[in-house]
């Protein structure tokens, strides 16, 4: 079970790091060419979302790897799941596919539930 949780954590963390990193380094105007939602968001809001995604990725991995405050991993999993549920709503409202954020939300919830109690 633990190996499976590490694999799921790694996959979700990789996806969050890639998505968040892209939002941090790519200008909003350029993102808006490919992402409809970015047209209505401010630059600061897009960057804040990128920071949240990167921090979620870090929170899914670092606390368990280091053994420092491993309780943060299920918290990060829950936060990433909520973030992805927001993405599902946003994409659904725009008539866009919701499969990717929905799958990430479920996987993040699995990490949150599977790692709850770690370090106790």
PDB file of N, CA and C in Angstrom:
ATOM      1  N   UNK A   1       0.834  -1.203   0.000  1.00  0.00           N
ATOM      2  CA  UNK A   1       0.000   0.000   0.000  1.00  0.00           C
ATOM      3  C   UNK A   1       0.867   1.251   0.000  1.00  0.00           C
ATOM      4  N   UNK A   2       1.939   1.252   0.787  1.00  0.00           N
ATOM      5  CA  UNK A   2       2.783   2.442   0.878  1.00  0.00           C
ATOM      6  C   UNK A   2       3.434   2.771  -0.463  1.00  0.00           C
ATOM      7  N   UNK A   3       3.867   1.747  -1.198  1.00  0.00           N
ATOM      8  CA  UNK A   3       4.477   1.983  -2.510  1.00  0.00           C
ATOM      9  C   UNK A   3       3.455   2.607  -3.455  1.00  0.00           C
ATOM     10  N   UNK A   4       2.237   2.102  -3.405  1.00  0.00           N
ATOM     11  CA  UNK A   4       1.176   2.663  -4.240  1.00  0.00           C
ATOM     12  C   UNK A   4       0.910   4.132  -3.907  1.00  0.00           C
ATOM     13  N   UNK A   5       0.901   4.458  -2.619  1.00  0.00           N
ATOM     14  CA  UNK A   5       0.704   5.857  -2.220  1.00  0.00           C
ATOM     15  C   UNK A   5       1.847   6.743  -2.697  1.00  0.00           C
ATOM     16  N   UNK A   6       3.067   6.212  -2.649  1.00  0.00           N
ATOM     17  CA  UNK A   6       4.208   6.983  -3.148  1.00  0.00           C
ATOM     18  C   UNK A   6       4.079   7.226  -4.653  1.00  0.00           C
ATOM     19  N   UNK A   7       3.643   6.220  -5.375  1.00  0.00           N
ATOM     20  CA  UNK A   7       3.484   6.374  -6.823  1.00  0.00           C
ATOM     21  C   UNK A   7       2.409   7.411  -7.133  1.00  0.00           C
ATOM     22  N   UNK A   8       1.261   7.295  -6.463  1.00  0.00           N
ATOM     23  CA  UNK A   8       0.173   8.255  -6.688  1.00  0.00           C
ATOM     24  C   UNK A   8       0.614   9.654  -6.271  1.00  0.00           C
ATOM     25  N   UNK A   9       1.283   9.763  -5.125  1.00  0.00           N
ATOM     26  CA  UNK A   9       1.780  11.066  -4.667  1.00  0.00           C
ATOM     27  C   UNK A   9       2.739  11.669  -5.689  1.00  0.00           C
ATOM     28  N   UNK A  10       3.618  10.846  -6.209  1.00  0.00           N
ATOM     29  CA  UNK A  10       4.586  11.323  -7.196  1.00  0.00           C
ATOM     30  C   UNK A  10       3.924  11.787  -8.477  1.00  0.00           C
ATOM     31  N   UNK A  11       2.930  11.034  -8.943  1.00  0.00           N
ATOM     32  CA  UNK A  11       2.227  11.416 -10.171  1.00  0.00           C
ATOM     33  C   UNK A  11       1.480  12.743  -9.994  1.00  0.00           C
ATOM     34  N   UNK A  12       0.762  12.864  -8.884  1.00  0.00           N
ATOM     35  CA  UNK A  12       0.014  14.105  -8.636  1.00  0.00           C
ATOM     36  C   UNK A  12       0.989  15.267  -8.444  1.00  0.00           C
ATOM     37  N   UNK A  13       2.060  15.041  -7.688  1.00  0.00           N
ATOM     38  CA  UNK A  13       3.044  16.100  -7.462  1.00  0.00           C
ATOM     39  C   UNK A  13       3.677  16.546  -8.781  1.00  0.00           C
ATOM     40  N   UNK A  14       4.005  15.592  -9.643  1.00  0.00           N
ATOM     41  CA  UNK A  14       4.588  15.937 -10.934  1.00  0.00           C
ATOM     42  C   UNK A  14       3.626  16.793 -11.757  1.00  0.00           C
ATOM     43  N   UNK A  15       2.358  16.390 -11.785  1.00  0.00           N
ATOM     44  CA  UNK A  15       1.359  17.139 -12.547  1.00  0.00           C
ATOM     45  C   UNK A  15       1.194  18.551 -11.984  1.00  0.00           C
ATOM     46  N   UNK A  16       1.158  18.666 -10.654  1.00  0.00           N
ATOM     47  CA  UNK A  16       0.994  19.981 -10.022  1.00  0.00           C
ATOM     48  C   UNK A  16       2.222  20.859 -10.251  1.00  0.00           C
ATOM     49  N   UNK A  17       3.401  20.264 -10.147  1.00  0.00           N
ATOM     50  CA  UNK A  17       4.634  21.017 -10.365  1.00  0.00           C
ATOM     51  C   UNK A  17       4.725  21.513 -11.804  1.00  0.00           C
ATOM     52  N   UNK A  18       4.362  20.662 -12.746  1.00  0.00           N
ATOM     53  CA  UNK A  18       4.402  21.052 -14.159  1.00  0.00           C
ATOM     54  C   UNK A  18       3.387  22.153 -14.452  1.00  0.00           C
ATOM     55  N   UNK A  19       2.160  21.969 -13.986  1.00  0.00           N
ATOM     56  CA  UNK A  19       1.110  22.963 -14.248  1.00  0.00           C
ATOM     57  C   UNK A  19       1.401  24.278 -13.540  1.00  0.00           C
ATOM     58  N   UNK A  20       1.777  24.188 -12.277  1.00  0.00           N
ATOM     59  CA  UNK A  20       2.073  25.401 -11.519  1.00  0.00           C
ATOM     60  C   UNK A  20       3.299  26.117 -12.035  1.00  0.00           C
ATOM     61  N   UNK A  21       4.325  25.358 -12.353  1.00  0.00           N
ATOM     62  CA  UNK A  21       5.539  25.963 -12.891  1.00  0.00           C
ATOM     63  C   UNK A  21       5.278  26.692 -14.193  1.00  0.00           C
ATOM     64  N   UNK A  22       4.447  26.085 -15.028  1.00  0.00           N
ATOM     65  CA  UNK A  22       4.097  26.728 -16.296  1.00  0.00           C
ATOM     66  C   UNK A  22       3.380  28.052 -16.045  1.00  0.00           C
ATOM     67  N   UNK A  23       2.462  28.067 -15.086  1.00  0.00           N
ATOM     68  CA  UNK A  23       1.719  29.294 -14.787  1.00  0.00           C
ATOM     69  C   UNK A  23       2.636  30.368 -14.209  1.00  0.00           C
ATOM     70  N   UNK A  24       3.682  29.957 -13.509  1.00  0.00           N
ATOM     71  CA  UNK A  24       4.597  30.921 -12.904  1.00  0.00           C
ATOM     72  C   UNK A  24       5.542  31.553 -13.926  1.00  0.00           C
ATOM     73  N   UNK A  25       5.946  30.788 -14.921  1.00  0.00           N
ATOM     74  CA  UNK A  25       6.956  31.302 -15.849  1.00  0.00           C
ATOM     75  C   UNK A  25       6.391  31.812 -17.174  1.00  0.00           C
ATOM     76  N   UNK A  26       5.141  31.492 -17.460  1.00  0.00           N
ATOM     77  CA  UNK A  26       4.542  31.906 -18.724  1.00  0.00           C
ATOM     78  C   UNK A  26       3.660  33.132 -18.505  1.00  0.00           C
ATOM     79  N   UNK A  27       3.829  34.172 -19.304  1.00  0.00           N
ATOM     80  CA  UNK A  27       2.955  35.345 -19.169  1.00  0.00           C
ATOM     81  C   UNK A  27       1.485  34.975 -19.390  1.00  0.00           C
ATOM     82  N   UNK A  28       0.593  35.616 -18.627  1.00  0.00           N
ATOM     83  CA  UNK A  28      -0.834  35.312 -18.705  1.00  0.00           C
ATOM     84  C   UNK A  28      -1.363  35.470 -20.124  1.00  0.00           C
ATOM     85  N   UNK A  29      -0.920  36.497 -20.832  1.00  0.00           N
ATOM     86  CA  UNK A  29      -1.395  36.717 -22.204  1.00  0.00           C
ATOM     87  C   UNK A  29      -1.074  35.519 -23.089  1.00  0.00           C
ATOM     88  N   UNK A  30       0.073  34.919 -22.876  1.00  0.00           N
ATOM     89  CA  UNK A  30       0.452  33.732 -23.648  1.00  0.00           C
ATOM     90  C   UNK A  30      -0.367  32.518 -23.211  1.00  0.00           C
ATOM     91  N   UNK A  31      -0.613  32.394 -21.905  1.00  0.00           N
ATOM     92  CA  UNK A  31      -1.456  31.292 -21.412  1.00  0.00           C
ATOM     93  C   UNK A  31      -2.870  31.405 -21.965  1.00  0.00           C
ATOM     94  N   UNK A  32      -3.357  32.645 -22.096  1.00  0.00           N
ATOM     95  CA  UNK A  32      -4.728  32.871 -22.563  1.00  0.00           C
ATOM     96  C   UNK A  32      -4.938  32.367 -23.984  1.00  0.00           C
ATOM     97  N   UNK A  33      -3.874  32.256 -24.766  1.00  0.00           N
ATOM     98  CA  UNK A  33      -3.993  31.721 -26.120  1.00  0.00           C
ATOM     99  C   UNK A  33      -4.396  30.245 -26.112  1.00  0.00           C
ATOM    100  N   UNK A  34      -4.009  29.519 -25.049  1.00  0.00           N
ATOM    101  CA  UNK A  34      -4.286  28.083 -24.967  1.00  0.00           C
ATOM    102  C   UNK A  34      -5.304  27.734 -23.890  1.00  0.00           C
ATOM    103  N   UNK A  35      -5.449  28.599 -22.907  1.00  0.00           N
ATOM    104  CA  UNK A  35      -6.336  28.317 -21.777  1.00  0.00           C
ATOM    105  C   UNK A  35      -7.397  29.403 -21.675  1.00  0.00           C
ATOM    106  N   UNK A  36      -8.608  29.057 -22.000  1.00  0.00           N
ATOM    107  CA  UNK A  36      -9.707  30.018 -22.048  1.00  0.00           C
ATOM    108  C   UNK A  36      -9.888  30.744 -20.727  1.00  0.00           C
ATOM    109  N   UNK A  37      -9.795  30.032 -19.623  1.00  0.00           N
ATOM    110  CA  UNK A  37     -10.025  30.636 -18.311  1.00  0.00           C
ATOM    111  C   UNK A  37      -9.038  31.763 -18.029  1.00  0.00           C
ATOM    112  N   UNK A  38      -7.830  31.692 -18.554  1.00  0.00           N
ATOM    113  CA  UNK A  38      -6.798  32.695 -18.263  1.00  0.00           C
ATOM    114  C   UNK A  38      -7.147  34.062 -18.852  1.00  0.00           C
ATOM    115  N   UNK A  39      -8.047  34.100 -19.821  1.00  0.00           N
ATOM    116  CA  UNK A  39      -8.443  35.376 -20.418  1.00  0.00           C
ATOM    117  C   UNK A  39      -9.156  36.269 -19.423  1.00  0.00           C
ATOM    118  N   UNK A  40      -9.870  35.674 -18.474  1.00  0.00           N
ATOM    119  CA  UNK A  40     -10.662  36.461 -17.525  1.00  0.00           C
ATOM    120  C   UNK A  40      -9.968  36.640 -16.181  1.00  0.00           C
ATOM    121  N   UNK A  41      -8.806  36.068 -16.004  1.00  0.00           N
ATOM    122  CA  UNK A  41      -8.080  36.173 -14.744  1.00  0.00           C
ATOM    123  C   UNK A  41      -7.025  37.269 -14.831  1.00  0.00           C
ATOM    124  N   UNK A  42      -6.678  37.836 -13.688  1.00  0.00           N
ATOM    125  CA  UNK A  42      -5.603  38.825 -13.637  1.00  0.00           C
ATOM    126  C   UNK A  42      -4.260  38.104 -13.614  1.00  0.00           C
ATOM    127  N   UNK A  43      -3.202  38.848 -13.921  1.00  0.00           N
ATOM    128  CA  UNK A  43      -1.858  38.267 -13.872  1.00  0.00           C
ATOM    129  C   UNK A  43      -1.555  37.714 -12.478  1.00  0.00           C
ATOM    130  N   UNK A  44      -1.886  38.497 -11.460  1.00  0.00           N
ATOM    131  CA  UNK A  44      -1.615  38.083 -10.090  1.00  0.00           C
ATOM    132  C   UNK A  44      -2.364  36.825  -9.692  1.00  0.00           C
ATOM    133  N   UNK A  45      -3.578  36.706 -10.133  1.00  0.00           N
ATOM    134  CA  UNK A  45      -4.384  35.530  -9.803  1.00  0.00           C
ATOM    135  C   UNK A  45      -3.821  34.272 -10.464  1.00  0.00           C
ATOM    136  N   UNK A  46      -3.354  34.395 -11.685  1.00  0.00           N
ATOM    137  CA  UNK A  46      -2.745  33.253 -12.372  1.00  0.00           C
ATOM    138  C   UNK A  46      -1.464  32.843 -11.652  1.00  0.00           C
ATOM    139  N   UNK A  47      -0.647  33.818 -11.264  1.00  0.00           N
ATOM    140  CA  UNK A  47       0.603  33.517 -10.551  1.00  0.00           C
ATOM    141  C   UNK A  47       0.307  32.885  -9.193  1.00  0.00           C
ATOM    142  N   UNK A  48      -0.727  33.377  -8.496  1.00  0.00           N
ATOM    143  CA  UNK A  48      -1.110  32.809  -7.209  1.00  0.00           C
ATOM    144  C   UNK A  48      -1.546  31.352  -7.366  1.00  0.00           C
ATOM    145  N   UNK A  49      -2.283  31.064  -8.416  1.00  0.00           N
ATOM    146  CA  UNK A  49      -2.673  29.686  -8.692  1.00  0.00           C
ATOM    147  C   UNK A  49      -1.434  28.829  -8.933  1.00  0.00           C
ATOM    148  N   UNK A  50      -0.479  29.360  -9.682  1.00  0.00           N
ATOM    149  CA  UNK A  50       0.767  28.634  -9.934  1.00  0.00           C
ATOM    150  C   UNK A  50       1.519  28.346  -8.645  1.00  0.00           C
ATOM    151  N   UNK A  51       1.581  29.324  -7.755  1.00  0.00           N
ATOM    152  CA  UNK A  51       2.242  29.128  -6.460  1.00  0.00           C
ATOM    153  C   UNK A  51       1.520  28.047  -5.659  1.00  0.00           C
ATOM    154  N   UNK A  52       0.193  28.095  -5.633  1.00  0.00           N
ATOM    155  CA  UNK A  52      -0.587  27.098  -4.896  1.00  0.00           C
ATOM    156  C   UNK A  52      -0.324  25.695  -5.434  1.00  0.00           C
ATOM    157  N   UNK A  53      -0.249  25.556  -6.754  1.00  0.00           N
ATOM    158  CA  UNK A  53       0.000  24.240  -7.343  1.00  0.00           C
ATOM    159  C   UNK A  53       1.405  23.738  -7.026  1.00  0.00           C
ATOM    160  N   UNK A  54       2.394  24.624  -7.103  1.00  0.00           N
ATOM    161  CA  UNK A  54       3.769  24.219  -6.786  1.00  0.00           C
ATOM    162  C   UNK A  54       3.888  23.850  -5.305  1.00  0.00           C
ATOM    163  N   UNK A  55       3.299  24.654  -4.430  1.00  0.00           N
ATOM    164  CA  UNK A  55       3.346  24.333  -3.002  1.00  0.00           C
ATOM    165  C   UNK A  55       2.612  23.027  -2.697  1.00  0.00           C
ATOM    166  N   UNK A  56       1.526  22.767  -3.421  1.00  0.00           N
ATOM    167  CA  UNK A  56       0.829  21.496  -3.259  1.00  0.00           C
ATOM    168  C   UNK A  56       1.722  20.330  -3.632  1.00  0.00           C
ATOM    169  N   UNK A  57       2.467  20.479  -4.721  1.00  0.00           N
ATOM    170  CA  UNK A  57       3.397  19.428  -5.146  1.00  0.00           C
ATOM    171  C   UNK A  57       4.451  19.180  -4.082  1.00  0.00           C
ATOM    172  N   UNK A  58       5.004  20.252  -3.551  1.00  0.00           N
ATOM    173  CA  UNK A  58       6.020  20.128  -2.508  1.00  0.00           C
ATOM    174  C   UNK A  58       5.424  19.454  -1.273  1.00  0.00           C
ATOM    175  N   UNK A  59       4.222  19.868  -0.895  1.00  0.00           N
ATOM    176  CA  UNK A  59       3.578  19.315   0.288  1.00  0.00           C
ATOM    177  C   UNK A  59       3.219  17.848   0.174  1.00  0.00           C
ATOM    178  N   UNK A  60       3.029  17.367  -1.032  1.00  0.00           N
ATOM    179  CA  UNK A  60       2.709  15.953  -1.227  1.00  0.00           C
ATOM    180  C   UNK A  60       3.919  15.045  -1.024  1.00  0.00           C
ATOM    181  N   UNK A  61       5.111  15.588  -1.208  1.00  0.00           N
ATOM    182  CA  UNK A  61       6.313  14.753  -1.195  1.00  0.00           C
ATOM    183  C   UNK A  61       7.248  15.049  -0.016  1.00  0.00           C
ATOM    184  N   UNK A  62       7.623  16.294   0.138  1.00  0.00           N
ATOM    185  CA  UNK A  62       8.703  16.662   1.067  1.00  0.00           C
ATOM    186  C   UNK A  62       8.446  16.252   2.520  1.00  0.00           C
ATOM    187  N   UNK A  63       7.269  16.489   3.092  1.00  0.00           N
ATOM    188  CA  UNK A  63       7.098  16.114   4.500  1.00  0.00           C
ATOM    189  C   UNK A  63       7.312  14.622   4.773  1.00  0.00           C
ATOM    190  N   UNK A  64       6.827  13.763   3.876  1.00  0.00           N
ATOM    191  CA  UNK A  64       7.012  12.324   4.078  1.00  0.00           C
ATOM    192  C   UNK A  64       8.443  11.891   3.815  1.00  0.00           C
ATOM    193  N   UNK A  65       9.094  12.510   2.833  1.00  0.00           N
ATOM    194  CA  UNK A  65      10.475  12.129   2.528  1.00  0.00           C
ATOM    195  C   UNK A  65      11.402  12.502   3.683  1.00  0.00           C
ATOM    196  N   UNK A  66      11.213  13.701   4.212  1.00  0.00           N
ATOM    197  CA  UNK A  66      12.103  14.186   5.270  1.00  0.00           C
ATOM    198  C   UNK A  66      11.703  13.697   6.652  1.00  0.00           C
ATOM    199  N   UNK A  67      10.437  13.305   6.815  1.00  0.00           N
ATOM    200  CA  UNK A  67       9.959  12.929   8.137  1.00  0.00           C
ATOM    201  C   UNK A  67       9.655  14.132   9.018  1.00  0.00           C
ATOM    202  N   UNK A  68       9.785  15.323   8.448  1.00  0.00           N
ATOM    203  CA  UNK A  68       9.504  16.554   9.180  1.00  0.00           C
ATOM    204  C   UNK A  68       8.048  16.930   8.933  1.00  0.00           C
ATOM    205  N   UNK A  69       7.257  16.899   9.971  1.00  0.00           N
ATOM    206  CA  UNK A  69       5.829  17.244   9.912  1.00  0.00           C
ATOM    207  C   UNK A  69       5.092  16.463   8.821  1.00  0.00           C
ATOM    208  N   UNK A  70       5.150  15.131   8.860  1.00  0.00           N
ATOM    209  CA  UNK A  70       4.471  14.352   7.828  1.00  0.00           C
ATOM    210  C   UNK A  70       2.957  14.544   7.806  1.00  0.00           C
ATOM    211  N   UNK A  71       2.410  15.148   8.841  1.00  0.00           N
ATOM    212  CA  UNK A  71       0.970  15.442   8.857  1.00  0.00           C
ATOM    213  C   UNK A  71       0.604  16.430   7.744  1.00  0.00           C
ATOM    214  N   UNK A  72       1.596  17.138   7.217  1.00  0.00           N
ATOM    215  CA  UNK A  72       1.332  18.098   6.138  1.00  0.00           C
ATOM    216  C   UNK A  72       0.984  17.409   4.815  1.00  0.00           C
ATOM    217  N   UNK A  73       1.395  16.161   4.636  1.00  0.00           N
ATOM    218  CA  UNK A  73       1.102  15.470   3.376  1.00  0.00           C
ATOM    219  C   UNK A  73      -0.395  15.257   3.168  1.00  0.00           C
ATOM    220  N   UNK A  74      -1.146  14.730   4.138  1.00  0.00           N
ATOM    221  CA  UNK A  74      -2.582  14.614   3.891  1.00  0.00           C
ATOM    222  C   UNK A  74      -3.272  15.967   3.776  1.00  0.00           C
ATOM    223  N   UNK A  75      -2.758  16.965   4.463  1.00  0.00           N
ATOM    224  CA  UNK A  75      -3.317  18.310   4.337  1.00  0.00           C
ATOM    225  C   UNK A  75      -3.090  18.826   2.917  1.00  0.00           C
ATOM    226  N   UNK A  76      -1.876  18.625   2.401  1.00  0.00           N
ATOM    227  CA  UNK A  76      -1.573  19.034   1.024  1.00  0.00           C
ATOM    228  C   UNK A  76      -2.445  18.265   0.040  1.00  0.00           C
ATOM    229  N   UNK A  77      -2.652  16.979   0.287  1.00  0.00           N
ATOM    230  CA  UNK A  77      -3.507  16.182  -0.591  1.00  0.00           C
ATOM    231  C   UNK A  77      -4.923  16.715  -0.624  1.00  0.00           C
ATOM    232  N   UNK A  78      -5.440  17.062   0.540  1.00  0.00           N
ATOM    233  CA  UNK A  78      -6.798  17.620   0.607  1.00  0.00           C
ATOM    234  C   UNK A  78      -6.869  18.965  -0.106  1.00  0.00           C
ATOM    235  N   UNK A  79      -5.857  19.793   0.084  1.00  0.00           N
ATOM    236  CA  UNK A  79      -5.840  21.105  -0.564  1.00  0.00           C
ATOM    237  C   UNK A  79      -5.745  20.978  -2.084  1.00  0.00           C
ATOM    238  N   UNK A  80      -4.921  20.070  -2.562  1.00  0.00           N
ATOM    239  CA  UNK A  80      -4.811  19.844  -4.008  1.00  0.00           C
ATOM    240  C   UNK A  80      -6.134  19.315  -4.557  1.00  0.00           C
ATOM    241  N   UNK A  81      -6.793  18.441  -3.806  1.00  0.00           N
ATOM    242  CA  UNK A  81      -8.086  17.921  -4.255  1.00  0.00           C
ATOM    243  C   UNK A  81      -9.098  19.056  -4.392  1.00  0.00           C
ATOM    244  N   UNK A  82      -9.138  19.955  -3.419  1.00  0.00           N
ATOM    245  CA  UNK A  82     -10.054  21.099  -3.482  1.00  0.00           C
ATOM    246  C   UNK A  82      -9.692  22.003  -4.655  1.00  0.00           C
ATOM    247  N   UNK A  83      -8.407  22.234  -4.849  1.00  0.00           N
ATOM    248  CA  UNK A  83      -7.940  23.056  -5.970  1.00  0.00           C
ATOM    249  C   UNK A  83      -8.395  22.452  -7.297  1.00  0.00           C
ATOM    250  N   UNK A  84      -8.265  21.145  -7.428  1.00  0.00           N
ATOM    251  CA  UNK A  84      -8.662  20.475  -8.665  1.00  0.00           C
ATOM    252  C   UNK A  84     -10.181  20.440  -8.837  1.00  0.00           C
ATOM    253  N   UNK A  85     -10.925  20.388  -7.741  1.00  0.00           N
ATOM    254  CA  UNK A  85     -12.383  20.480  -7.861  1.00  0.00           C
ATOM    255  C   UNK A  85     -12.779  21.867  -8.373  1.00  0.00           C
ATOM    256  N   UNK A  86     -12.040  22.882  -7.964  1.00  0.00           N
ATOM    257  CA  UNK A  86     -12.259  24.220  -8.524  1.00  0.00           C
ATOM    258  C   UNK A  86     -11.961  24.245 -10.013  1.00  0.00           C
ATOM    259  N   UNK A  87     -10.916  23.529 -10.409  1.00  0.00           N
ATOM    260  CA  UNK A  87     -10.582  23.447 -11.834  1.00  0.00           C
ATOM    261  C   UNK A  87     -11.681  22.723 -12.606  1.00  0.00           C
ATOM    262  N   UNK A  88     -12.243  21.674 -12.008  1.00  0.00           N
ATOM    263  CA  UNK A  88     -13.351  20.954 -12.648  1.00  0.00           C
ATOM    264  C   UNK A  88     -14.510  21.915 -12.892  1.00  0.00           C
ATOM    265  N   UNK A  89     -14.872  22.690 -11.871  1.00  0.00           N
ATOM    266  CA  UNK A  89     -15.978  23.634 -12.013  1.00  0.00           C
ATOM    267  C   UNK A  89     -15.681  24.674 -13.097  1.00  0.00           C
ATOM    268  N   UNK A  90     -14.480  25.222 -13.071  1.00  0.00           N
ATOM    269  CA  UNK A  90     -14.106  26.235 -14.052  1.00  0.00           C
ATOM    270  C   UNK A  90     -14.190  25.683 -15.468  1.00  0.00           C
ATOM    271  N   UNK A  91     -13.611  24.514 -15.687  1.00  0.00           N
ATOM    272  CA  UNK A  91     -13.624  23.917 -17.025  1.00  0.00           C
ATOM    273  C   UNK A  91     -15.036  23.514 -17.456  1.00  0.00           C
ATOM    274  N   UNK A  92     -15.821  23.008 -16.517  1.00  0.00           N
ATOM    275  CA  UNK A  92     -17.207  22.640 -16.841  1.00  0.00           C
ATOM    276  C   UNK A  92     -18.004  23.880 -17.235  1.00  0.00           C
ATOM    277  N   UNK A  93     -17.822  24.976 -16.485  1.00  0.00           N
ATOM    278  CA  UNK A  93     -18.525  26.218 -16.800  1.00  0.00           C
ATOM    279  C   UNK A  93     -18.170  26.742 -18.190  1.00  0.00           C
ATOM    280  N   UNK A  94     -16.948  26.473 -18.646  1.00  0.00           N
ATOM    281  CA  UNK A  94     -16.497  26.925 -19.961  1.00  0.00           C
ATOM    282  C   UNK A  94     -16.785  25.894 -21.058  1.00  0.00           C
ATOM    283  N   UNK A  95     -17.379  24.763 -20.689  1.00  0.00           N
ATOM    284  CA  UNK A  95     -17.685  23.728 -21.665  1.00  0.00           C
ATOM    285  C   UNK A  95     -16.464  22.965 -22.127  1.00  0.00           C
ATOM    286  N   UNK A  96     -15.432  22.935 -21.305  1.00  0.00           N
ATOM    287  CA  UNK A  96     -14.184  22.248 -21.643  1.00  0.00           C
ATOM    288  C   UNK A  96     -14.140  20.882 -20.956  1.00  0.00           C
ATOM    289  N   UNK A  97     -13.267  19.988 -21.421  1.00  0.00           N
ATOM    290  CA  UNK A  97     -13.147  18.671 -20.786  1.00  0.00           C
ATOM    291  C   UNK A  97     -12.706  18.789 -19.322  1.00  0.00           C
ATOM    292  N   UNK A  98     -13.275  17.946 -18.480  1.00  0.00           N
ATOM    293  CA  UNK A  98     -12.979  17.996 -17.048  1.00  0.00           C
ATOM    294  C   UNK A  98     -12.267  16.741 -16.541  1.00  0.00           C
ATOM    295  N   UNK A  99     -11.958  15.813 -17.434  1.00  0.00           N
ATOM    296  CA  UNK A  99     -11.396  14.527 -17.008  1.00  0.00           C
ATOM    297  C   UNK A  99     -10.073  14.687 -16.256  1.00  0.00           C
ATOM    298  N   UNK A 100      -9.144  15.458 -16.788  1.00  0.00           N
ATOM    299  CA  UNK A 100      -7.824  15.570 -16.164  1.00  0.00           C
ATOM    300  C   UNK A 100      -7.904  16.138 -14.743  1.00  0.00           C
ATOM    301  N   UNK A 101      -8.546  17.291 -14.523  1.00  0.00           N
ATOM    302  CA  UNK A 101      -8.609  17.777 -13.148  1.00  0.00           C
ATOM    303  C   UNK A 101      -9.444  16.876 -12.236  1.00  0.00           C
ATOM    304  N   UNK A 102     -10.445  16.206 -12.778  1.00  0.00           N
ATOM    305  CA  UNK A 102     -11.256  15.295 -11.958  1.00  0.00           C
ATOM    306  C   UNK A 102     -10.418  14.111 -11.481  1.00  0.00           C
ATOM    307  N   UNK A 103      -9.623  13.548 -12.384  1.00  0.00           N
ATOM    308  CA  UNK A 103      -8.753  12.433 -12.006  1.00  0.00           C
ATOM    309  C   UNK A 103      -7.730  12.888 -10.976  1.00  0.00           C
ATOM    310  N   UNK A 104      -7.148  14.059 -11.172  1.00  0.00           N
ATOM    311  CA  UNK A 104      -6.174  14.579 -10.206  1.00  0.00           C
ATOM    312  C   UNK A 104      -6.829  14.828  -8.848  1.00  0.00           C
ATOM    313  N   UNK A 105      -8.069  15.305  -8.846  1.00  0.00           N
ATOM    314  CA  UNK A 105      -8.785  15.519  -7.584  1.00  0.00           C
ATOM    315  C   UNK A 105      -8.965  14.205  -6.841  1.00  0.00           C
ATOM    316  N   UNK A 106      -9.365  13.165  -7.551  1.00  0.00           N
ATOM    317  CA  UNK A 106      -9.564  11.860  -6.925  1.00  0.00           C
ATOM    318  C   UNK A 106      -8.237  11.307  -6.407  1.00  0.00           C
ATOM    319  N   UNK A 107      -7.189  11.397  -7.210  1.00  0.00           N
ATOM    320  CA  UNK A 107      -5.885  10.887  -6.788  1.00  0.00           C
ATOM    321  C   UNK A 107      -5.347  11.657  -5.585  1.00  0.00           C
ATOM    322  N   UNK A 108      -5.536  12.968  -5.573  1.00  0.00           N
ATOM    323  CA  UNK A 108      -5.094  13.778  -4.432  1.00  0.00           C
ATOM    324  C   UNK A 108      -5.877  13.396  -3.180  1.00  0.00           C
ATOM    325  N   UNK A 109      -7.162  13.111  -3.330  1.00  0.00           N
ATOM    326  CA  UNK A 109      -7.971  12.672  -2.192  1.00  0.00           C
ATOM    327  C   UNK A 109      -7.494  11.314  -1.686  1.00  0.00           C
ATOM    328  N   UNK A 110      -7.093  10.437  -2.596  1.00  0.00           N
ATOM    329  CA  UNK A 110      -6.538   9.138  -2.200  1.00  0.00           C
ATOM    330  C   UNK A 110      -5.277   9.345  -1.372  1.00  0.00           C
ATOM    331  N   UNK A 111      -4.415  10.257  -1.799  1.00  0.00           N
ATOM    332  CA  UNK A 111      -3.209  10.563  -1.030  1.00  0.00           C
ATOM    333  C   UNK A 111      -3.575  11.115   0.339  1.00  0.00           C
ATOM    334  N   UNK A 112      -4.529  12.036   0.375  1.00  0.00           N
ATOM    335  CA  UNK A 112      -4.925  12.631   1.653  1.00  0.00           C
ATOM    336  C   UNK A 112      -5.449  11.569   2.611  1.00  0.00           C
ATOM    337  N   UNK A 113      -6.318  10.709   2.132  1.00  0.00           N
ATOM    338  CA  UNK A 113      -6.890   9.675   2.995  1.00  0.00           C
ATOM    339  C   UNK A 113      -5.881   8.581   3.321  1.00  0.00           C
ATOM    340  N   UNK A 114      -5.040   8.235   2.353  1.00  0.00           N
ATOM    341  CA  UNK A 114      -4.070   7.171   2.558  1.00  0.00           C
ATOM    342  C   UNK A 114      -2.919   7.541   3.461  1.00  0.00           C
ATOM    343  N   UNK A 115      -2.610   8.819   3.538  1.00  0.00           N
ATOM    344  CA  UNK A 115      -1.497   9.249   4.384  1.00  0.00           C
ATOM    345  C   UNK A 115      -1.959   9.849   5.712  1.00  0.00           C
ATOM    346  N   UNK A 116      -3.252   9.967   5.894  1.00  0.00           N
ATOM    347  CA  UNK A 116      -3.766  10.472   7.177  1.00  0.00           C
ATOM    348  C   UNK A 116      -3.338   9.487   8.265  1.00  0.00           C
ATOM    349  N   UNK A 117      -2.805  10.008   9.305  1.00  0.00           N
ATOM    350  CA  UNK A 117      -2.324   9.151  10.392  1.00  0.00           C
ATOM    351  C   UNK A 117      -0.852   8.813  10.280  1.00  0.00           C
ATOM    352  N   UNK A 118      -0.192   9.237   9.192  1.00  0.00           N
ATOM    353  CA  UNK A 118       1.236   9.001   9.051  1.00  0.00           C
ATOM    354  C   UNK A 118       1.964   9.790  10.132  1.00  0.00           C
ATOM    355  N   UNK A 119       2.890   9.162  10.795  1.00  0.00           N
ATOM    356  CA  UNK A 119       3.668   9.843  11.819  1.00  0.00           C
ATOM    357  C   UNK A 119       3.030   9.770  13.201  1.00  0.00           C
ATOM    358  N   UNK A 120       1.894   9.087  13.310  1.00  0.00           N
ATOM    359  CA  UNK A 120       1.261   8.947  14.628  1.00  0.00           C
ATOM    360  C   UNK A 120       1.730   7.698  15.311  1.00  0.00           C
TER     361      UNK A 120
END
